[in-house]
Amino acid sequence: MKNTDAFELLEQGIKNLANQDNWLNHLKTQAVFHSYSFNNTCLIIN
């Protein structure tokens, strides 16, 4: 994966989290899986 591809993927992920519903979903998941890392909870959500 090229740096530009990785940056675009990261940018899209941030835009998805910026959506209020997605952010609330992430927070609810993080509350349940509080011992998991941010990256692992993102994988669980998807």
C-alpha atoms as a PDB file:
ATOM      1  CA  MET A   1       0.000   0.000   0.000  1.00  0.00           C
ATOM      2  CA  LYS A   2       1.375   3.369  -0.962  1.00  0.00           C
ATOM      3  CA  ASN A   3       1.488   6.261   1.487  1.00  0.00           C
ATOM      4  CA  THR A   4      -1.142   8.159  -0.503  1.00  0.00           C
ATOM      5  CA  ASP A   5      -3.485   5.148  -0.386  1.00  0.00           C
ATOM      6  CA  ALA A   6      -2.968   4.776   3.362  1.00  0.00           C
ATOM      7  CA  PHE A   7      -3.583   8.482   3.889  1.00  0.00           C
ATOM      8  CA  GLU A   8      -6.816   8.363   1.869  1.00  0.00           C
ATOM      9  CA  LEU A   9      -7.993   5.328   3.856  1.00  0.00           C
ATOM     10  CA  LEU A  10      -7.216   7.110   7.124  1.00  0.00           C
ATOM     11  CA  GLU A  11      -8.951  10.272   5.943  1.00  0.00           C
ATOM     12  CA  GLN A  12     -12.077   8.306   4.988  1.00  0.00           C
ATOM     13  CA  GLY A  13     -12.114   6.572   8.370  1.00  0.00           C
ATOM     14  CA  ILE A  14     -11.909   9.909  10.174  1.00  0.00           C
ATOM     15  CA  LYS A  15     -14.745  11.290   8.055  1.00  0.00           C
ATOM     16  CA  ASN A  16     -16.841   8.242   8.953  1.00  0.00           C
ATOM     17  CA  LEU A  17     -16.224   8.768  12.665  1.00  0.00           C
ATOM     18  CA  ALA A  18     -17.055  12.464  12.337  1.00  0.00           C
ATOM     19  CA  ASN A  19     -20.643  11.455  11.585  1.00  0.00           C
ATOM     20  CA  GLN A  20     -22.499  11.734  14.911  1.00  0.00           C
ATOM     21  CA  ASP A  21     -24.235   8.342  14.613  1.00  0.00           C
ATOM     22  CA  ASN A  22     -20.973   6.569  13.806  1.00  0.00           C
ATOM     23  CA  TRP A  23     -19.204   8.322  16.680  1.00  0.00           C
ATOM     24  CA  LEU A  24     -21.958   7.314  19.144  1.00  0.00           C
ATOM     25  CA  ASN A  25     -21.775   3.747  17.844  1.00  0.00           C
ATOM     26  CA  HIS A  26     -18.025   3.761  18.417  1.00  0.00           C
ATOM     27  CA  LEU A  27     -18.428   5.114  21.960  1.00  0.00           C
ATOM     28  CA  LYS A  28     -21.003   2.445  22.808  1.00  0.00           C
ATOM     29  CA  THR A  29     -18.703  -0.265  21.468  1.00  0.00           C
ATOM     30  CA  GLN A  30     -15.746   1.194  23.370  1.00  0.00           C
ATOM     31  CA  ALA A  31     -17.826   1.127  26.567  1.00  0.00           C
ATOM     32  CA  VAL A  32     -18.477  -2.592  26.126  1.00  0.00           C
ATOM     33  CA  PHE A  33     -14.926  -3.461  25.026  1.00  0.00           C
ATOM     34  CA  HIS A  34     -13.125  -0.992  27.289  1.00  0.00           C
ATOM     35  CA  SER A  35     -10.007  -3.168  27.578  1.00  0.00           C
ATOM     36  CA  TYR A  36      -9.626  -3.343  23.793  1.00  0.00           C
ATOM     37  CA  SER A  37      -7.531  -0.880  21.818  1.00  0.00           C
ATOM     38  CA  PHE A  38      -9.036   1.795  19.578  1.00  0.00           C
ATOM     39  CA  ASN A  39      -7.937  -0.155  16.498  1.00  0.00           C
ATOM     40  CA  ASN A  40      -9.493  -3.410  17.705  1.00  0.00           C
ATOM     41  CA  THR A  41     -12.813  -1.752  18.487  1.00  0.00           C
ATOM     42  CA  CYS A  42     -12.807  -0.222  14.997  1.00  0.00           C
ATOM     43  CA  LEU A  43     -12.324  -3.694  13.573  1.00  0.00           C
ATOM     44  CA  ILE A  44     -15.173  -5.041  15.710  1.00  0.00           C
ATOM     45  CA  ILE A  45     -17.529  -2.290  14.520  1.00  0.00           C
ATOM     46  CA  ASN A  46     -16.761  -3.035  10.882  1.00  0.00           C
END
